[in-house]
Amino acid sequence: PLVRPKRASVLYQSEGAVWLASFDGSGENRRLKTAPDPQCVQWSPDGRTILYLSGTELREHTPDTNADAPLATTSAFASFG
């Protein structure tokens, strides 16, 4: 699980998907609409977006709007932090 910076929610991965849940349990767990097989999922420092790898792309997802876009092409063996 990854605590969302500056917000009361947590991000986690399960069954090959990325999920968002609030700390207090209000609402339901929400599956984010990311590209297939998200890897190395990280929050941006401001907690507005997540960055992750999918195949050979570095991608950015905005949970508040469910917008998802590629940022850069990588090698098949890339990792970031």
C-alpha atoms as a PDB file:
ATOM      1  CA  PRO A   1       0.000   0.000   0.000  1.00  0.00           C
ATOM      2  CA  LEU A   2       1.077   3.575  -0.767  1.00  0.00           C
ATOM      3  CA  VAL A   3      -0.284   6.449   1.326  1.00  0.00           C
ATOM      4  CA  ARG A   4      -1.432   9.339  -0.854  1.00  0.00           C
ATOM      5  CA  PRO A   5       0.518  12.510  -0.071  1.00  0.00           C
ATOM      6  CA  LYS A   6      -1.589  15.358   1.357  1.00  0.00           C
ATOM      7  CA  ARG A   7      -4.830  13.325   1.150  1.00  0.00           C
ATOM      8  CA  ALA A   8      -6.578  10.710   3.286  1.00  0.00           C
ATOM      9  CA  SER A   9      -6.397   7.725   0.950  1.00  0.00           C
ATOM     10  CA  VAL A  10      -4.224   4.773   0.108  1.00  0.00           C
ATOM     11  CA  LEU A  11      -3.275   3.133  -3.192  1.00  0.00           C
ATOM     12  CA  TYR A  12      -2.755  -0.613  -3.502  1.00  0.00           C
ATOM     13  CA  GLN A  13      -2.401  -3.271  -6.186  1.00  0.00           C
ATOM     14  CA  SER A  14      -4.467  -6.439  -6.342  1.00  0.00           C
ATOM     15  CA  GLU A  15      -5.324  -8.897  -9.110  1.00  0.00           C
ATOM     16  CA  GLY A  16      -3.212  -6.996 -11.667  1.00  0.00           C
ATOM     17  CA  ALA A  17      -5.043  -3.705 -11.068  1.00  0.00           C
ATOM     18  CA  VAL A  18      -4.504  -0.502  -9.072  1.00  0.00           C
ATOM     19  CA  TRP A  19      -7.087   0.422  -6.423  1.00  0.00           C
ATOM     20  CA  LEU A  20      -7.749   3.546  -4.337  1.00  0.00           C
ATOM     21  CA  ALA A  21      -9.390   3.484  -0.885  1.00  0.00           C
ATOM     22  CA  SER A  22     -10.050   6.165   1.730  1.00  0.00           C
ATOM     23  CA  PHE A  23      -8.576   5.881   5.235  1.00  0.00           C
ATOM     24  CA  ASP A  24     -11.932   6.097   6.986  1.00  0.00           C
ATOM     25  CA  GLY A  25     -13.649   3.491   4.816  1.00  0.00           C
ATOM     26  CA  SER A  26     -16.170   5.965   3.417  1.00  0.00           C
ATOM     27  CA  GLY A  27     -17.147   5.174  -0.124  1.00  0.00           C
ATOM     28  CA  GLU A  28     -15.972   2.034  -1.830  1.00  0.00           C
ATOM     29  CA  ASN A  29     -12.614   0.875  -3.062  1.00  0.00           C
ATOM     30  CA  ARG A  30     -12.219   2.203  -6.573  1.00  0.00           C
ATOM     31  CA  ARG A  31     -10.362   0.432  -9.376  1.00  0.00           C
ATOM     32  CA  LEU A  32      -8.346   2.943 -11.388  1.00  0.00           C
ATOM     33  CA  LYS A  33      -8.525   2.765 -15.175  1.00  0.00           C
ATOM     34  CA  THR A  34      -4.832   2.267 -15.897  1.00  0.00           C
ATOM     35  CA  ALA A  35      -3.144   0.631 -18.861  1.00  0.00           C
ATOM     36  CA  PRO A  36      -2.749  -3.166 -18.597  1.00  0.00           C
ATOM     37  CA  ASP A  37      -0.266  -4.704 -16.158  1.00  0.00           C
ATOM     38  CA  PRO A  38       0.807  -1.614 -14.158  1.00  0.00           C
ATOM     39  CA  GLN A  39       4.242  -1.974 -12.512  1.00  0.00           C
ATOM     40  CA  CYS A  40       6.401   0.201 -10.192  1.00  0.00           C
ATOM     41  CA  VAL A  41       3.407   2.350  -9.205  1.00  0.00           C
ATOM     42  CA  GLN A  42       4.403   5.543  -7.344  1.00  0.00           C
ATOM     43  CA  TRP A  43       2.590   8.697  -6.209  1.00  0.00           C
ATOM     44  CA  SER A  44       3.777  12.040  -7.521  1.00  0.00           C
ATOM     45  CA  PRO A  45       5.088  14.217  -4.655  1.00  0.00           C
ATOM     46  CA  ASP A  46       1.899  16.327  -4.583  1.00  0.00           C
ATOM     47  CA  GLY A  47      -0.427  13.281  -4.578  1.00  0.00           C
ATOM     48  CA  ARG A  48      -2.332  14.431  -7.662  1.00  0.00           C
ATOM     49  CA  THR A  49      -1.176  11.658 -10.015  1.00  0.00           C
ATOM     50  CA  ILE A  50       0.409   8.231 -10.024  1.00  0.00           C
ATOM     51  CA  LEU A  51       3.313   7.287 -12.247  1.00  0.00           C
ATOM     52  CA  TYR A  52       3.763   3.700 -13.383  1.00  0.00           C
ATOM     53  CA  LEU A  53       5.235   1.424 -16.013  1.00  0.00           C
ATOM     54  CA  SER A  54       3.107  -0.526 -18.469  1.00  0.00           C
ATOM     55  CA  GLY A  55       5.043  -2.608 -20.958  1.00  0.00           C
ATOM     56  CA  THR A  56       7.636  -0.215 -22.374  1.00  0.00           C
ATOM     57  CA  GLU A  57       5.868   3.022 -21.411  1.00  0.00           C
ATOM     58  CA  LEU A  58       6.097   5.311 -18.412  1.00  0.00           C
ATOM     59  CA  ARG A  59       2.513   6.499 -17.821  1.00  0.00           C
ATOM     60  CA  GLU A  60       0.696   9.028 -15.652  1.00  0.00           C
ATOM     61  CA  HIS A  61      -2.782   8.527 -14.199  1.00  0.00           C
ATOM     62  CA  THR A  62      -4.914  11.175 -12.451  1.00  0.00           C
ATOM     63  CA  PRO A  63      -7.281   9.400 -10.024  1.00  0.00           C
ATOM     64  CA  ASP A  64      -9.578  12.420  -9.584  1.00  0.00           C
ATOM     65  CA  THR A  65     -10.488  12.478 -13.290  1.00  0.00           C
ATOM     66  CA  ASN A  66      -9.499   8.934 -14.345  1.00  0.00           C
ATOM     67  CA  ALA A  67      -7.302  10.465 -17.071  1.00  0.00           C
ATOM     68  CA  ASP A  68      -4.395   8.274 -18.159  1.00  0.00           C
ATOM     69  CA  ALA A  69      -1.641   9.227 -20.595  1.00  0.00           C
ATOM     70  CA  PRO A  70       1.787   8.012 -21.739  1.00  0.00           C
ATOM     71  CA  LEU A  71       4.788  10.115 -20.681  1.00  0.00           C
ATOM     72  CA  ALA A  72       7.763   8.332 -22.250  1.00  0.00           C
ATOM     73  CA  THR A  73       8.934   5.121 -23.869  1.00  0.00           C
ATOM     74  CA  THR A  74      11.336   2.992 -21.833  1.00  0.00           C
ATOM     75  CA  SER A  75      13.259  -0.237 -22.193  1.00  0.00           C
ATOM     76  CA  ALA A  76      11.546  -3.443 -21.166  1.00  0.00           C
ATOM     77  CA  PHE A  77      13.745  -3.524 -18.064  1.00  0.00           C
ATOM     78  CA  ALA A  78      13.182   0.000 -16.718  1.00  0.00           C
ATOM     79  CA  SER A  79      12.444   0.878 -13.121  1.00  0.00           C
ATOM     80  CA  PHE A  80      12.138   4.231 -11.392  1.00  0.00           C
ATOM     81  CA  GLY A  81      11.661   5.724  -7.965  1.00  0.00           C
END
